[in-house]
Structures are given as structure tokens and as C-alpha cells.
Amino acid sequence: MFHAARFDDLHAVIRRAIRRPGFPSAIRPRVRAVTLVLLTAMLSPLATWAQEQPTAVRGGLQWGAGLGVGTIREPYQGVDDETIGIPILFLENRWLSIGGPGVDLKLPLASPIAFRLRARYEPRAGYEADDSPALSGMEERKPGVWVGAAALWHSEIVDVGADWLVDASGYSEGQRATVSLQRRFPFGAFSATPRIEGIWLDRKNVNYYYGVATQEARAGRPFYDADSTVNTRFGVRFDYRPEARHVLFLDLSATQLGAEIADSPIVEQSSYSSVFLGYVYMFRTGRPD
């Protein structure tokens, strides 16, 4: 498992390096964005990838590694989209599931519903004032570490996931809860997995990342005190498996921001989309059931 303080220390080193005199200011946001994504990818890749993999791995281990290319979009005003390549890593055994920027600890409870303790690191959350002229004069908003509980339920009709997480880093002191529905439709070597997610963010969470404090207010950027809100995300994942160990995938998603975020004076658009394309080679070791 990772330690949040180590990431914060490394981020601080990166920030100091790119702010030194002589470092090209035009590429500072790009260097920061690429570094944060790579740091997270070294831990694990996409949360949706882990949720779609088989979980009945007993007495052994299965894992996958590969490469992907994704378009990273930001809702903040003036922050450019980024297209970068990242490594992908997925790991699953009887007790742990690593996939996406975090770790799940599986609880050994006899129930149709699988319960987990969850930790997530959010490297893409937040901003620095020099990320965009529209953010000039704003205090830095730092990425957080979120911990809590999750539940997963598989049925013949739909897979249901839910989690409730709190900001363990203490930056926002906020909470969030997510409910997701997805269904995989196989077509021979191809499969399609549409999904929908509702993400509730409490007032502290929304205010930290999208609010404008009194001392940050400027002409054209008024004081903004937000309330809790709900984001809605729609997505679909296409997989192609020419062989059992080889997976090509395309993941598309669109997020509709809640009104309390969309109305923020530092937010440019009420919705945004993302695209991710990648290849994973699935390794299998031990004795999976």
C-alpha cells in the first residue's frame, strides 16, 4: 500500500523544480500533469479495469500489464486537455484488488454482496494557480487520499457497485459516495460494457476544489460558496480478446457536472468527456479457482 505523505513530498519536489527561474513556463502544466498520471499508473491503472475482472482468485495471483493512451480533460477555465501515454498494471488475488489509483482489501464475509475496505489516491484532483491565467491568485488545491468502504453485487442482469469515502489527507475534509451500474455484453472475442455512475460530493469537497474564498475573489471571479452536488457519468468499454491473455480495449466516458460545480466561476464547462485506448497482457500465476 502507498503512503500519502510520500506522494505529497514528491509533488512538492516537482513543483519546486518546475518553478525555478529558467524553466519554460509554457510547459509547466504539461510536466505536472504527465508526472502525476505516471505516478499513479506505477501503482495501478484504471478503476473500471479492476472492477470488470474475475474476482474468484484463491490460493494464487493473476495480474496484467500493458500500455495505454488517454485524453485527460479538466473542467477548470483555461486548463488545456492533455493526451499522454501511461503504463497499466492490474493485480488480483484472494485478499487484494489493485486497479485504478488505489487498493481494495477484500473482507471474508459469506454474502452475495462482496464487501471491501478501499483506499484511493486522486492525482488529477485540484490545481495550482499557474495552471491557467484564470486561476491566478487562487490558493493551491491539493490531490487527496480517500478511504472508506465499498460493496459489490453481481447478478445476471447488472453489476452494482457502491462506496463511501472520506478525505483522509485532510485537505478538503470532505466526503463522497458513488453508486454504479454496469453490464457486460459478450459477442465472441468482443465485449461491450456500458455503465452509469452517480457521484455525490459533500459541501466541503465541492467548496475545496471549486469554491472561491473571499481573499481569492477578483474582477470576473466573485466569491463562491458551493453546496453539495451530484455528478453523473456515462461510459462504455469495448474489449477485444483475440486470445485469453491479450486484451485490447477502448473506454469512452462523459461526465455531467452537478449544478454547484458547473456554476463555479473557475469552471469552464458543465460537462466533459474522455477517451482511453490500451493493450493489456494478462499473466496468471499460482492456482486460481
Protein backbone atom coordinates (compact mmCIF):
# COMPACT_ATOMS: atom_id res chain seq x y z
CA MET A 1 0.00 0.00 0.00
CA PHE A 2 1.21 3.55 -0.64
CA HIS A 3 1.81 6.36 1.84
CA ALA A 4 0.13 9.70 1.12
CA ALA A 5 2.90 11.80 2.64
CA ARG A 6 5.44 10.36 0.22
CA PHE A 7 3.34 11.48 -2.73
CA ASP A 8 2.92 14.95 -1.24
CA ASP A 9 6.69 15.21 -0.70
CA LEU A 10 7.37 14.11 -4.27
CA HIS A 11 4.78 16.56 -5.62
CA ALA A 12 6.48 19.34 -3.64
CA VAL A 13 9.85 18.47 -5.20
CA ILE A 14 8.28 18.52 -8.67
CA ARG A 15 6.60 21.86 -8.03
CA ARG A 16 9.81 23.47 -6.80
CA ALA A 17 11.75 22.13 -9.80
CA ILE A 18 9.38 23.43 -12.45
CA ARG A 19 9.06 26.84 -10.76
CA ARG A 20 12.77 27.55 -10.81
CA PRO A 21 13.90 30.52 -12.94
CA GLY A 22 14.70 29.41 -16.45
CA PHE A 23 12.19 26.53 -16.56
CA PRO A 24 9.84 27.17 -19.55
CA SER A 25 6.58 28.40 -18.05
CA ALA A 26 4.59 27.26 -21.10
CA ILE A 27 5.20 23.59 -20.35
CA ARG A 28 4.84 23.66 -16.55
CA PRO A 29 1.22 22.44 -16.54
CA ARG A 30 2.10 19.65 -19.02
CA VAL A 31 5.05 18.41 -16.93
CA ARG A 32 2.94 18.41 -13.78
CA ALA A 33 0.03 16.59 -15.44
CA VAL A 34 2.21 13.92 -17.02
CA THR A 35 4.15 13.32 -13.81
CA LEU A 36 1.02 12.93 -11.68
CA VAL A 37 -0.54 10.46 -14.07
CA LEU A 38 2.65 8.41 -14.31
CA LEU A 39 2.99 8.31 -10.53
CA THR A 40 -0.50 6.90 -10.26
CA ALA A 41 -0.02 4.47 -13.13
CA MET A 42 3.02 2.95 -11.42
CA LEU A 43 0.70 1.98 -8.59
CA SER A 44 -2.21 0.76 -10.69
CA PRO A 45 -4.27 1.90 -13.67
CA LEU A 46 -7.98 2.31 -14.21
CA ALA A 47 -10.56 1.59 -11.52
CA THR A 48 -13.01 0.32 -14.11
CA TRP A 49 -10.48 -2.25 -15.34
CA ALA A 50 -10.24 -3.89 -11.91
CA GLN A 51 -14.00 -3.90 -11.40
CA GLU A 52 -14.55 -5.84 -14.62
CA GLN A 53 -12.03 -8.62 -13.92
CA PRO A 54 -12.80 -12.01 -12.34
CA THR A 55 -12.57 -11.85 -8.55
CA ALA A 56 -12.54 -15.56 -7.63
CA VAL A 57 -8.79 -15.95 -7.32
CA ARG A 58 -7.93 -18.29 -4.45
CA GLY A 59 -4.51 -19.56 -3.49
CA GLY A 60 -2.90 -17.72 -6.37
CA LEU A 61 -2.45 -14.48 -8.20
CA GLN A 62 -3.39 -13.02 -11.54
CA TRP A 63 -2.13 -9.79 -12.92
CA GLY A 64 -1.86 -7.86 -16.12
CA ALA A 65 0.41 -5.20 -17.55
CA GLY A 66 0.25 -3.07 -20.64
CA LEU A 67 0.21 0.39 -22.16
CA GLY A 68 -2.47 2.93 -22.87
CA VAL A 69 -3.09 6.34 -24.40
CA GLY A 70 -5.64 8.67 -22.87
CA THR A 71 -7.04 12.15 -23.27
CA ILE A 72 -7.14 13.95 -19.95
CA ARG A 73 -9.64 16.77 -19.66
CA GLU A 74 -10.04 19.36 -16.92
CA PRO A 75 -13.19 21.35 -16.11
CA TYR A 76 -11.24 24.40 -14.89
CA GLN A 77 -11.08 27.52 -17.04
CA GLY A 78 -8.07 27.80 -19.31
CA VAL A 79 -6.55 24.40 -18.40
CA ASP A 80 -5.68 22.61 -21.64
CA ASP A 81 -6.55 19.00 -22.41
CA GLU A 82 -3.65 16.54 -22.35
CA THR A 83 -3.05 13.41 -24.44
CA ILE A 84 -0.39 11.16 -22.94
CA GLY A 85 0.75 7.55 -22.80
CA ILE A 86 0.76 5.68 -19.48
CA PRO A 87 1.68 2.18 -18.27
CA ILE A 88 -1.10 -0.08 -16.98
CA LEU A 89 -0.91 -2.54 -14.11
CA PHE A 90 -3.66 -4.76 -12.70
CA LEU A 91 -3.38 -7.23 -9.80
CA GLU A 92 -5.93 -9.51 -8.17
CA ASN A 93 -5.76 -12.24 -5.53
CA ARG A 94 -7.96 -13.59 -2.77
CA TRP A 95 -7.42 -10.64 -0.44
CA LEU A 96 -6.35 -7.70 -2.57
CA SER A 97 -7.50 -5.92 -5.70
CA ILE A 98 -5.22 -3.26 -7.17
CA GLY A 99 -6.54 -1.37 -10.14
CA GLY A 100 -7.13 2.31 -10.65
CA PRO A 101 -5.27 4.65 -8.31
CA GLY A 102 -5.75 2.60 -5.18
CA VAL A 103 -6.15 -0.65 -3.30
CA ASP A 104 -9.13 -2.71 -2.13
CA LEU A 105 -8.86 -5.08 0.84
CA LYS A 106 -11.46 -7.83 0.47
CA LEU A 107 -13.41 -8.78 3.58
CA PRO A 108 -14.06 -12.53 4.05
CA LEU A 109 -17.81 -12.29 4.61
CA ALA A 110 -20.19 -15.02 3.43
CA SER A 111 -22.72 -12.99 1.47
CA PRO A 112 -23.92 -12.45 -2.11
CA ILE A 113 -22.54 -8.94 -1.65
CA ALA A 114 -18.75 -8.54 -1.60
CA PHE A 115 -17.55 -6.00 0.97
CA ARG A 116 -14.21 -4.22 0.79
CA LEU A 117 -12.13 -1.61 2.53
CA ARG A 118 -11.00 0.89 -0.08
CA ALA A 119 -8.20 3.44 -0.44
CA ARG A 120 -7.95 5.75 -3.42
CA TYR A 121 -5.41 8.38 -4.41
CA GLU A 122 -6.67 11.20 -6.65
CA PRO A 123 -3.69 12.70 -8.52
CA ARG A 124 -5.84 14.58 -11.01
CA ALA A 125 -7.85 16.45 -8.38
CA GLY A 126 -7.02 20.07 -7.66
CA TYR A 127 -4.82 22.64 -9.37
CA GLU A 128 -2.09 25.21 -8.93
CA ALA A 129 -2.52 28.91 -9.59
CA ASP A 130 -0.12 28.83 -12.55
CA ASP A 131 -2.05 26.08 -14.31
CA SER A 132 -4.13 28.75 -16.00
CA PRO A 133 -4.38 32.58 -16.06
CA ALA A 134 -7.99 32.16 -14.86
CA LEU A 135 -6.66 30.57 -11.66
CA SER A 136 -4.12 33.29 -10.92
CA GLY A 137 -4.39 34.35 -7.28
CA MET A 138 -6.10 31.13 -6.19
CA GLU A 139 -4.54 29.04 -3.44
CA GLU A 140 -3.33 25.61 -4.46
CA ARG A 141 -5.88 22.77 -4.20
CA LYS A 142 -4.07 19.52 -3.47
CA PRO A 143 -4.98 15.97 -4.54
CA GLY A 144 -6.26 13.82 -1.70
CA VAL A 145 -6.24 10.28 -0.38
CA TRP A 146 -9.70 8.83 0.14
CA VAL A 147 -10.50 5.87 2.38
CA GLY A 148 -13.72 4.07 3.23
CA ALA A 149 -15.87 1.06 2.45
CA ALA A 150 -17.24 -0.46 -0.76
CA ALA A 151 -19.78 -3.11 -1.72
CA LEU A 152 -20.10 -5.06 -4.99
CA TRP A 153 -23.04 -7.20 -6.09
CA HIS A 154 -23.05 -9.35 -9.24
CA SER A 155 -26.26 -10.60 -10.84
CA GLU A 156 -27.32 -11.98 -14.20
CA ILE A 157 -28.90 -8.63 -15.05
CA VAL A 158 -26.50 -5.99 -13.77
CA ASP A 159 -23.40 -5.48 -11.62
CA VAL A 160 -23.88 -2.95 -8.85
CA GLY A 161 -21.10 -1.14 -7.01
CA ALA A 162 -21.21 1.42 -4.21
CA ASP A 163 -18.67 3.12 -1.99
CA TRP A 164 -18.48 5.81 0.65
CA LEU A 165 -15.14 7.57 1.13
CA VAL A 166 -13.72 10.35 3.30
CA ASP A 167 -10.72 12.56 2.59
CA ALA A 168 -8.03 11.03 4.82
CA SER A 169 -5.45 13.60 3.67
CA GLY A 170 -7.44 16.32 5.42
CA TYR A 171 -7.18 18.82 2.57
CA SER A 172 -10.88 19.11 1.79
CA GLU A 173 -12.14 17.28 4.92
CA GLY A 174 -14.93 16.16 2.63
CA GLN A 175 -16.88 13.04 1.82
CA ARG A 176 -18.17 11.41 -1.32
CA ALA A 177 -20.33 8.45 -2.26
CA THR A 178 -20.64 6.63 -5.59
CA VAL A 179 -23.21 4.20 -6.96
CA SER A 180 -22.51 2.46 -10.28
CA LEU A 181 -24.41 0.09 -12.57
CA GLN A 182 -22.79 -1.84 -15.41
CA ARG A 183 -23.47 -4.84 -17.62
CA ARG A 184 -21.06 -6.75 -19.84
CA PHE A 185 -22.39 -7.96 -23.21
CA PRO A 186 -20.09 -10.55 -24.88
CA PHE A 187 -20.01 -11.04 -28.66
CA GLY A 188 -17.43 -13.76 -29.25
CA ALA A 189 -13.98 -12.20 -28.90
CA PHE A 190 -15.59 -8.78 -28.46
CA SER A 191 -17.49 -7.40 -25.48
CA ALA A 192 -19.17 -4.12 -24.61
CA THR A 193 -19.72 -2.92 -21.03
CA PRO A 194 -21.94 0.16 -20.66
CA ARG A 195 -22.04 1.82 -17.24
CA ILE A 196 -23.61 4.70 -15.38
CA GLU A 197 -22.35 6.29 -12.18
CA GLY A 198 -23.79 8.79 -9.74
CA ILE A 199 -21.16 10.56 -7.60
CA TRP A 200 -22.36 12.57 -4.60
CA LEU A 201 -19.89 15.16 -3.26
CA ASP A 202 -20.49 16.90 0.06
CA ARG A 203 -20.26 20.66 0.61
CA LYS A 204 -16.69 20.63 1.94
CA ASN A 205 -15.49 18.60 -1.04
CA VAL A 206 -17.14 20.87 -3.61
CA ASN A 207 -16.03 24.07 -1.90
CA TYR A 208 -12.41 22.99 -1.61
CA TYR A 209 -11.99 22.14 -5.30
CA TYR A 210 -14.47 24.55 -6.93
CA GLY A 211 -15.21 27.31 -4.44
CA VAL A 212 -13.67 30.81 -4.39
CA ALA A 213 -12.70 32.18 -0.99
CA THR A 214 -13.10 35.86 -0.08
CA GLN A 215 -9.38 36.57 -0.42
CA GLU A 216 -9.33 34.85 -3.83
CA ALA A 217 -12.14 36.91 -5.36
CA ARG A 218 -11.20 39.16 -8.28
CA ALA A 219 -12.97 41.09 -11.01
CA GLY A 220 -14.70 38.42 -13.09
CA ARG A 221 -14.17 35.83 -10.34
CA PRO A 222 -16.58 36.53 -7.49
CA PHE A 223 -16.70 34.85 -4.09
CA TYR A 224 -18.36 31.46 -4.48
CA ASP A 225 -19.64 29.24 -1.66
CA ALA A 226 -20.96 25.97 -3.08
CA ASP A 227 -23.20 23.28 -1.64
CA SER A 228 -23.19 19.50 -2.07
CA THR A 229 -23.94 18.17 -5.54
CA VAL A 230 -24.14 15.04 -7.70
CA ASN A 231 -22.09 14.34 -10.84
CA THR A 232 -23.36 11.83 -13.39
CA ARG A 233 -21.02 9.80 -15.55
CA PHE A 234 -21.92 7.65 -18.56
CA GLY A 235 -19.41 5.32 -20.14
CA VAL A 236 -18.86 2.27 -22.29
CA ARG A 237 -15.89 -0.04 -22.55
CA PHE A 238 -15.15 -2.15 -25.63
CA ASP A 239 -12.84 -5.15 -25.23
CA TYR A 240 -11.30 -7.34 -27.91
CA ARG A 241 -9.62 -10.59 -26.78
CA PRO A 242 -8.04 -12.40 -29.75
CA GLU A 243 -6.54 -14.77 -27.16
CA ALA A 244 -7.23 -15.28 -23.45
CA ARG A 245 -4.16 -13.35 -22.33
CA HIS A 246 -4.34 -10.47 -24.83
CA VAL A 247 -6.83 -7.63 -24.32
CA LEU A 248 -7.32 -4.54 -26.46
CA PHE A 249 -9.79 -2.02 -25.08
CA LEU A 250 -11.38 1.34 -25.78
CA ASP A 251 -13.04 3.24 -22.94
CA LEU A 252 -15.30 6.23 -23.58
CA SER A 253 -16.95 8.33 -20.89
CA ALA A 254 -18.85 11.58 -20.46
CA THR A 255 -19.40 13.37 -17.16
CA GLN A 256 -22.19 15.82 -16.40
CA LEU A 257 -21.12 18.08 -13.55
CA GLY A 258 -23.58 18.89 -10.79
CA ALA A 259 -25.05 22.38 -10.80
CA GLU A 260 -22.99 23.51 -7.78
CA ILE A 261 -19.79 22.73 -9.69
CA ALA A 262 -20.96 23.92 -13.12
CA ASP A 263 -21.92 27.31 -11.63
CA SER A 264 -18.46 27.91 -10.16
CA PRO A 265 -16.68 30.95 -11.68
CA ILE A 266 -13.49 28.90 -12.15
CA VAL A 267 -15.26 26.12 -14.13
CA GLU A 268 -15.38 26.46 -17.90
CA GLN A 269 -17.94 23.84 -18.92
CA SER A 270 -20.74 21.84 -17.34
CA SER A 271 -19.69 18.54 -18.92
CA TYR A 272 -16.61 16.89 -20.33
CA SER A 273 -15.64 13.63 -21.98
CA SER A 274 -12.61 11.36 -22.05
CA VAL A 275 -11.17 8.61 -24.25
CA PHE A 276 -8.75 5.86 -23.28
CA LEU A 277 -7.24 3.22 -25.59
CA GLY A 278 -4.92 0.46 -24.42
CA TYR A 279 -3.49 -3.04 -24.51
CA VAL A 280 -3.05 -5.41 -21.54
CA TYR A 281 -1.31 -8.77 -21.35
CA MET A 282 -2.87 -10.92 -18.62
CA PHE A 283 -0.44 -13.05 -16.59
CA ARG A 284 -1.63 -15.93 -14.42
CA THR A 285 0.39 -17.49 -11.64
CA GLY A 286 -0.42 -19.68 -8.64
CA ARG A 287 -3.68 -21.62 -8.63
CA PRO A 288 -6.72 -19.51 -9.48
CA ASP A 289 -10.05 -21.28 -8.91
